[in-house]
Amino acid sequence: MGLKLRSWDSGHLTVGHASALVGSTARLRCRLDAALCGAMHSVKWYKSERRVYVYSAARDAAVDRPEGDMMDR
């Protein structure tokens, strides 16, 4: 079992897949095109319909934390 990844890339929805062994580290990549989209405000990861992680380097909203099912990991 793994994660189905959906992201917007140059105005199009792309679908990918990620998997890792339970207890190991997984890296979810997120490509950003600043020339097309402007400065990044935040990136959010979801498992099914629930948000599990949020990252933002914005000065007004700096956040780097797991949420929901991932809080204890």
PDB file of N, CA and C in Angstrom:
ATOM      1  N   MET A   1       0.847  -1.178   0.000  1.00  0.00           N
ATOM      2  CA  MET A   1       0.000   0.000   0.000  1.00  0.00           C
ATOM      3  C   MET A   1       0.887   1.234   0.000  1.00  0.00           C
ATOM      4  N   GLY A   2       0.435   2.285  -0.584  1.00  0.00           N
ATOM      5  CA  GLY A   2       1.212   3.512  -0.635  1.00  0.00           C
ATOM      6  C   GLY A   2       0.298   4.719  -0.686  1.00  0.00           C
ATOM      7  N   LEU A   3       0.887   5.842  -0.985  1.00  0.00           N
ATOM      8  CA  LEU A   3       0.134   7.084  -1.093  1.00  0.00           C
ATOM      9  C   LEU A   3      -0.078   7.425  -2.553  1.00  0.00           C
ATOM     10  N   LYS A   4      -1.269   7.853  -2.886  1.00  0.00           N
ATOM     11  CA  LYS A   4      -1.540   8.399  -4.205  1.00  0.00           C
ATOM     12  C   LYS A   4      -1.294   9.892  -4.092  1.00  0.00           C
ATOM     13  N   LEU A   5      -0.401  10.413  -4.897  1.00  0.00           N
ATOM     14  CA  LEU A   5      -0.030  11.822  -4.827  1.00  0.00           C
ATOM     15  C   LEU A   5      -0.687  12.582  -5.966  1.00  0.00           C
ATOM     16  N   ARG A   6      -1.335  13.675  -5.630  1.00  0.00           N
ATOM     17  CA  ARG A   6      -1.931  14.549  -6.638  1.00  0.00           C
ATOM     18  C   ARG A   6      -1.373  15.942  -6.431  1.00  0.00           C
ATOM     19  N   SER A   7      -0.963  16.580  -7.498  1.00  0.00           N
ATOM     20  CA  SER A   7      -0.437  17.938  -7.380  1.00  0.00           C
ATOM     21  C   SER A   7      -0.740  18.722  -8.644  1.00  0.00           C
ATOM     22  N   TRP A   8      -0.711  20.032  -8.498  1.00  0.00           N
ATOM     23  CA  TRP A   8      -0.869  20.922  -9.643  1.00  0.00           C
ATOM     24  C   TRP A   8       0.512  21.259 -10.160  1.00  0.00           C
ATOM     25  N   ASP A   9       0.746  21.045 -11.432  1.00  0.00           N
ATOM     26  CA  ASP A   9       2.031  21.318 -12.060  1.00  0.00           C
ATOM     27  C   ASP A   9       1.771  22.053 -13.363  1.00  0.00           C
ATOM     28  N   SER A  10       2.144  23.307 -13.425  1.00  0.00           N
ATOM     29  CA  SER A  10       1.943  24.134 -14.621  1.00  0.00           C
ATOM     30  C   SER A  10       0.482  24.150 -15.056  1.00  0.00           C
ATOM     31  N   GLY A  11      -0.423  24.230 -14.085  1.00  0.00           N
ATOM     32  CA  GLY A  11      -1.838  24.315 -14.398  1.00  0.00           C
ATOM     33  C   GLY A  11      -2.510  22.991 -14.680  1.00  0.00           C
ATOM     34  N   HIS A  12      -1.805  21.875 -14.532  1.00  0.00           N
ATOM     35  CA  HIS A  12      -2.376  20.556 -14.791  1.00  0.00           C
ATOM     36  C   HIS A  12      -2.248  19.676 -13.554  1.00  0.00           C
ATOM     37  N   LEU A  13      -3.251  18.848 -13.339  1.00  0.00           N
ATOM     38  CA  LEU A  13      -3.209  17.904 -12.229  1.00  0.00           C
ATOM     39  C   LEU A  13      -2.322  16.728 -12.607  1.00  0.00           C
ATOM     40  N   THR A  14      -1.327  16.434 -11.785  1.00  0.00           N
ATOM     41  CA  THR A  14      -0.481  15.265 -12.004  1.00  0.00           C
ATOM     42  C   THR A  14      -0.717  14.287 -10.857  1.00  0.00           C
ATOM     43  N   VAL A  15      -0.623  13.007 -11.164  1.00  0.00           N
ATOM     44  CA  VAL A  15      -0.841  11.962 -10.172  1.00  0.00           C
ATOM     45  C   VAL A  15       0.405  11.106 -10.098  1.00  0.00           C
ATOM     46  N   GLY A  16       0.845  10.824  -8.892  1.00  0.00           N
ATOM     47  CA  GLY A  16       2.017   9.983  -8.685  1.00  0.00           C
ATOM     48  C   GLY A  16       1.750   8.995  -7.567  1.00  0.00           C
ATOM     49  N   HIS A  17       2.786   8.308  -7.139  1.00  0.00           N
ATOM     50  CA  HIS A  17       2.664   7.293  -6.097  1.00  0.00           C
ATOM     51  C   HIS A  17       3.917   7.329  -5.240  1.00  0.00           C
ATOM     52  N   ALA A  18       3.753   7.134  -3.950  1.00  0.00           N
ATOM     53  CA  ALA A  18       4.896   7.053  -3.039  1.00  0.00           C
ATOM     54  C   ALA A  18       4.632   5.937  -2.041  1.00  0.00           C
ATOM     55  N   SER A  19       5.683   5.227  -1.668  1.00  0.00           N
ATOM     56  CA  SER A  19       5.537   4.189  -0.655  1.00  0.00           C
ATOM     57  C   SER A  19       6.835   4.054   0.122  1.00  0.00           C
ATOM     58  N   ALA A  20       6.728   3.526   1.331  1.00  0.00           N
ATOM     59  CA  ALA A  20       7.888   3.290   2.187  1.00  0.00           C
ATOM     60  C   ALA A  20       7.513   2.216   3.195  1.00  0.00           C
ATOM     61  N   LEU A  21       8.503   1.575   3.774  1.00  0.00           N
ATOM     62  CA  LEU A  21       8.248   0.582   4.807  1.00  0.00           C
ATOM     63  C   LEU A  21       7.781   1.268   6.080  1.00  0.00           C
ATOM     64  N   VAL A  22       6.882   0.641   6.803  1.00  0.00           N
ATOM     65  CA  VAL A  22       6.389   1.194   8.062  1.00  0.00           C
ATOM     66  C   VAL A  22       7.568   1.436   8.995  1.00  0.00           C
ATOM     67  N   GLY A  23       7.626   2.615   9.572  1.00  0.00           N
ATOM     68  CA  GLY A  23       8.700   2.979  10.491  1.00  0.00           C
ATOM     69  C   GLY A  23       9.911   3.606   9.831  1.00  0.00           C
ATOM     70  N   SER A  24       9.950   3.603   8.502  1.00  0.00           N
ATOM     71  CA  SER A  24      11.078   4.217   7.801  1.00  0.00           C
ATOM     72  C   SER A  24      10.723   5.647   7.401  1.00  0.00           C
ATOM     73  N   THR A  25      11.701   6.374   6.923  1.00  0.00           N
ATOM     74  CA  THR A  25      11.497   7.750   6.491  1.00  0.00           C
ATOM     75  C   THR A  25      10.996   7.772   5.052  1.00  0.00           C
ATOM     76  N   ALA A  26      10.026   8.618   4.787  1.00  0.00           N
ATOM     77  CA  ALA A  26       9.523   8.817   3.427  1.00  0.00           C
ATOM     78  C   ALA A  26       9.716  10.282   3.068  1.00  0.00           C
ATOM     79  N   ARG A  27      10.059  10.537   1.839  1.00  0.00           N
ATOM     80  CA  ARG A  27      10.243  11.911   1.377  1.00  0.00           C
ATOM     81  C   ARG A  27       9.219  12.184   0.285  1.00  0.00           C
ATOM     82  N   LEU A  28       8.381  13.189   0.523  1.00  0.00           N
ATOM     83  CA  LEU A  28       7.391  13.598  -0.462  1.00  0.00           C
ATOM     84  C   LEU A  28       7.882  14.884  -1.105  1.00  0.00           C
ATOM     85  N   ARG A  29       8.169  14.819  -2.361  1.00  0.00           N
ATOM     86  CA  ARG A  29       8.705  15.983  -3.060  1.00  0.00           C
ATOM     87  C   ARG A  29       7.567  16.861  -3.570  1.00  0.00           C
ATOM     88  N   CYS A  30       7.859  18.126  -3.660  1.00  0.00           N
ATOM     89  CA  CYS A  30       6.881  19.082  -4.169  1.00  0.00           C
ATOM     90  C   CYS A  30       7.641  20.106  -5.004  1.00  0.00           C
ATOM     91  N   ARG A  31       7.448  20.057  -6.326  1.00  0.00           N
ATOM     92  CA  ARG A  31       8.117  21.014  -7.206  1.00  0.00           C
ATOM     93  C   ARG A  31       7.306  22.301  -7.272  1.00  0.00           C
ATOM     94  N   LEU A  32       7.988  23.416  -7.173  1.00  0.00           N
ATOM     95  CA  LEU A  32       7.335  24.723  -7.239  1.00  0.00           C
ATOM     96  C   LEU A  32       7.931  25.531  -8.380  1.00  0.00           C
ATOM     97  N   ASP A  33       7.085  26.149  -9.163  1.00  0.00           N
ATOM     98  CA  ASP A  33       7.525  26.995 -10.265  1.00  0.00           C
ATOM     99  C   ASP A  33       7.220  28.446  -9.895  1.00  0.00           C
ATOM    100  N   ALA A  34       8.180  29.114  -9.252  1.00  0.00           N
ATOM    101  CA  ALA A  34       7.977  30.486  -8.783  1.00  0.00           C
ATOM    102  C   ALA A  34       7.707  31.448  -9.938  1.00  0.00           C
ATOM    103  N   ALA A  35       8.289  31.179 -11.108  1.00  0.00           N
ATOM    104  CA  ALA A  35       8.062  32.056 -12.259  1.00  0.00           C
ATOM    105  C   ALA A  35       6.598  32.009 -12.698  1.00  0.00           C
ATOM    106  N   LEU A  36       5.975  30.847 -12.584  1.00  0.00           N
ATOM    107  CA  LEU A  36       4.586  30.688 -12.994  1.00  0.00           C
ATOM    108  C   LEU A  36       3.610  31.049 -11.872  1.00  0.00           C
ATOM    109  N   CYS A  37       3.933  30.639 -10.666  1.00  0.00           N
ATOM    110  CA  CYS A  37       2.984  30.760  -9.548  1.00  0.00           C
ATOM    111  C   CYS A  37       3.271  31.902  -8.591  1.00  0.00           C
ATOM    112  N   GLY A  38       4.437  32.501  -8.675  1.00  0.00           N
ATOM    113  CA  GLY A  38       4.800  33.524  -7.701  1.00  0.00           C
ATOM    114  C   GLY A  38       5.408  32.886  -6.464  1.00  0.00           C
ATOM    115  N   ALA A  39       5.550  33.671  -5.428  1.00  0.00           N
ATOM    116  CA  ALA A  39       6.163  33.171  -4.199  1.00  0.00           C
ATOM    117  C   ALA A  39       5.274  32.114  -3.546  1.00  0.00           C
ATOM    118  N   MET A  40       5.902  31.103  -2.972  1.00  0.00           N
ATOM    119  CA  MET A  40       5.167  30.050  -2.296  1.00  0.00           C
ATOM    120  C   MET A  40       4.642  30.565  -0.959  1.00  0.00           C
ATOM    121  N   HIS A  41       3.396  30.274  -0.674  1.00  0.00           N
ATOM    122  CA  HIS A  41       2.855  30.585   0.650  1.00  0.00           C
ATOM    123  C   HIS A  41       2.875  29.349   1.530  1.00  0.00           C
ATOM    124  N   SER A  42       2.308  28.244   1.045  1.00  0.00           N
ATOM    125  CA  SER A  42       2.282  27.032   1.852  1.00  0.00           C
ATOM    126  C   SER A  42       2.139  25.801   0.963  1.00  0.00           C
ATOM    127  N   VAL A  43       2.556  24.667   1.515  1.00  0.00           N
ATOM    128  CA  VAL A  43       2.398  23.366   0.868  1.00  0.00           C
ATOM    129  C   VAL A  43       1.700  22.477   1.879  1.00  0.00           C
ATOM    130  N   LYS A  44       0.664  21.771   1.434  1.00  0.00           N
ATOM    131  CA  LYS A  44      -0.099  20.904   2.326  1.00  0.00           C
ATOM    132  C   LYS A  44      -0.165  19.506   1.730  1.00  0.00           C
ATOM    133  N   TRP A  45       0.000  18.502   2.586  1.00  0.00           N
ATOM    134  CA  TRP A  45      -0.097  17.111   2.170  1.00  0.00           C
ATOM    135  C   TRP A  45      -1.344  16.515   2.800  1.00  0.00           C
ATOM    136  N   TYR A  46      -2.060  15.695   2.014  1.00  0.00           N
ATOM    137  CA  TYR A  46      -3.296  15.064   2.470  1.00  0.00           C
ATOM    138  C   TYR A  46      -3.201  13.554   2.340  1.00  0.00           C
ATOM    139  N   LYS A  47      -3.850  12.844   3.261  1.00  0.00           N
ATOM    140  CA  LYS A  47      -4.032  11.394   3.189  1.00  0.00           C
ATOM    141  C   LYS A  47      -5.535  11.204   3.096  1.00  0.00           C
ATOM    142  N   SER A  48      -6.001  10.691   1.973  1.00  0.00           N
ATOM    143  CA  SER A  48      -7.431  10.657   1.653  1.00  0.00           C
ATOM    144  C   SER A  48      -7.920  12.101   1.657  1.00  0.00           C
ATOM    145  N   GLU A  49      -8.867  12.438   2.470  1.00  0.00           N
ATOM    146  CA  GLU A  49      -9.394  13.809   2.503  1.00  0.00           C
ATOM    147  C   GLU A  49      -8.874  14.601   3.695  1.00  0.00           C
ATOM    148  N   ARG A  50      -7.990  14.007   4.504  1.00  0.00           N
ATOM    149  CA  ARG A  50      -7.513  14.668   5.726  1.00  0.00           C
ATOM    150  C   ARG A  50      -6.112  15.222   5.548  1.00  0.00           C
ATOM    151  N   ARG A  51      -5.928  16.459   5.976  1.00  0.00           N
ATOM    152  CA  ARG A  51      -4.599  17.071   5.902  1.00  0.00           C
ATOM    153  C   ARG A  51      -3.711  16.430   6.960  1.00  0.00           C
ATOM    154  N   VAL A  52      -2.494  15.999   6.534  1.00  0.00           N
ATOM    155  CA  VAL A  52      -1.580  15.339   7.465  1.00  0.00           C
ATOM    156  C   VAL A  52      -0.311  16.140   7.714  1.00  0.00           C
ATOM    157  N   TYR A  53      -0.029  17.120   6.871  1.00  0.00           N
ATOM    158  CA  TYR A  53       1.181  17.924   7.083  1.00  0.00           C
ATOM    159  C   TYR A  53       1.023  19.267   6.392  1.00  0.00           C
ATOM    160  N   VAL A  54       1.571  20.298   7.006  1.00  0.00           N
ATOM    161  CA  VAL A  54       1.554  21.627   6.398  1.00  0.00           C
ATOM    162  C   VAL A  54       2.924  22.270   6.590  1.00  0.00           C
ATOM    163  N   TYR A  55       3.383  22.934   5.539  1.00  0.00           N
ATOM    164  CA  TYR A  55       4.660  23.645   5.592  1.00  0.00           C
ATOM    165  C   TYR A  55       4.470  25.017   4.973  1.00  0.00           C
ATOM    166  N   SER A  56       4.985  26.036   5.641  1.00  0.00           N
ATOM    167  CA  SER A  56       4.976  27.386   5.095  1.00  0.00           C
ATOM    168  C   SER A  56       6.202  28.133   5.597  1.00  0.00           C
ATOM    169  N   ALA A  57       6.889  28.778   4.693  1.00  0.00           N
ATOM    170  CA  ALA A  57       8.034  29.606   5.070  1.00  0.00           C
ATOM    171  C   ALA A  57       7.665  31.087   5.027  1.00  0.00           C
ATOM    172  N   ALA A  58       6.389  31.367   4.786  1.00  0.00           N
ATOM    173  CA  ALA A  58       5.937  32.756   4.694  1.00  0.00           C
ATOM    174  C   ALA A  58       6.193  33.493   6.001  1.00  0.00           C
ATOM    175  N   ARG A  59       6.625  34.722   5.894  1.00  0.00           N
ATOM    176  CA  ARG A  59       6.920  35.526   7.094  1.00  0.00           C
ATOM    177  C   ARG A  59       5.716  35.661   8.018  1.00  0.00           C
ATOM    178  N   ASP A  60       4.540  35.783   7.426  1.00  0.00           N
ATOM    179  CA  ASP A  60       3.332  35.986   8.243  1.00  0.00           C
ATOM    180  C   ASP A  60       2.705  34.685   8.738  1.00  0.00           C
ATOM    181  N   ALA A  61       3.228  33.534   8.300  1.00  0.00           N
ATOM    182  CA  ALA A  61       2.610  32.258   8.694  1.00  0.00           C
ATOM    183  C   ALA A  61       3.612  31.111   8.645  1.00  0.00           C
ATOM    184  N   ALA A  62       4.743  31.228   9.312  1.00  0.00           N
ATOM    185  CA  ALA A  62       5.751  30.165   9.300  1.00  0.00           C
ATOM    186  C   ALA A  62       5.231  28.943  10.057  1.00  0.00           C
ATOM    187  N   VAL A  63       5.116  27.808   9.355  1.00  0.00           N
ATOM    188  CA  VAL A  63       4.586  26.574   9.933  1.00  0.00           C
ATOM    189  C   VAL A  63       5.368  25.402   9.356  1.00  0.00           C
ATOM    190  N   ASP A  64       5.651  24.403  10.180  1.00  0.00           N
ATOM    191  CA  ASP A  64       6.308  23.171   9.732  1.00  0.00           C
ATOM    192  C   ASP A  64       5.893  22.081  10.709  1.00  0.00           C
ATOM    193  N   ARG A  65       4.721  21.458  10.456  1.00  0.00           N
ATOM    194  CA  ARG A  65       4.218  20.510  11.449  1.00  0.00           C
ATOM    195  C   ARG A  65       3.311  19.438  10.835  1.00  0.00           C
ATOM    196  N   PRO A  66       3.329  18.263  11.474  1.00  0.00           N
ATOM    197  CA  PRO A  66       2.361  17.228  11.105  1.00  0.00           C
ATOM    198  C   PRO A  66       1.006  17.557  11.720  1.00  0.00           C
ATOM    199  N   GLU A  67      -0.049  16.987  11.135  1.00  0.00           N
ATOM    200  CA  GLU A  67      -1.405  17.187  11.648  1.00  0.00           C
ATOM    201  C   GLU A  67      -2.160  15.869  11.578  1.00  0.00           C
ATOM    202  N   GLY A  68      -3.276  15.792  12.266  1.00  0.00           N
ATOM    203  CA  GLY A  68      -4.156  14.630  12.190  1.00  0.00           C
ATOM    204  C   GLY A  68      -3.453  13.325  12.500  1.00  0.00           C
ATOM    205  N   ASP A  69      -3.580  12.351  11.585  1.00  0.00           N
ATOM    206  CA  ASP A  69      -3.027  11.013  11.779  1.00  0.00           C
ATOM    207  C   ASP A  69      -1.516  10.999  11.934  1.00  0.00           C
ATOM    208  N   MET A  70      -0.825  12.019  11.486  1.00  0.00           N
ATOM    209  CA  MET A  70       0.640  12.032  11.508  1.00  0.00           C
ATOM    210  C   MET A  70       1.224  12.749  12.723  1.00  0.00           C
ATOM    211  N   MET A  71       0.400  13.264  13.621  1.00  0.00           N
ATOM    212  CA  MET A  71       0.909  14.052  14.746  1.00  0.00           C
ATOM    213  C   MET A  71       1.833  13.270  15.664  1.00  0.00           C
ATOM    214  N   ASP A  72       1.625  11.971  15.803  1.00  0.00           N
ATOM    215  CA  ASP A  72       2.445  11.177  16.719  1.00  0.00           C
ATOM    216  C   ASP A  72       3.650  10.542  16.039  1.00  0.00           C
ATOM    217  N   ARG A  73       3.957  10.951  14.826  1.00  0.00           N
ATOM    218  CA  ARG A  73       5.090  10.352  14.098  1.00  0.00           C
ATOM    219  C   ARG A  73       6.261  11.276  14.079  1.00  0.00           C
TER     220      ARG A  73
END
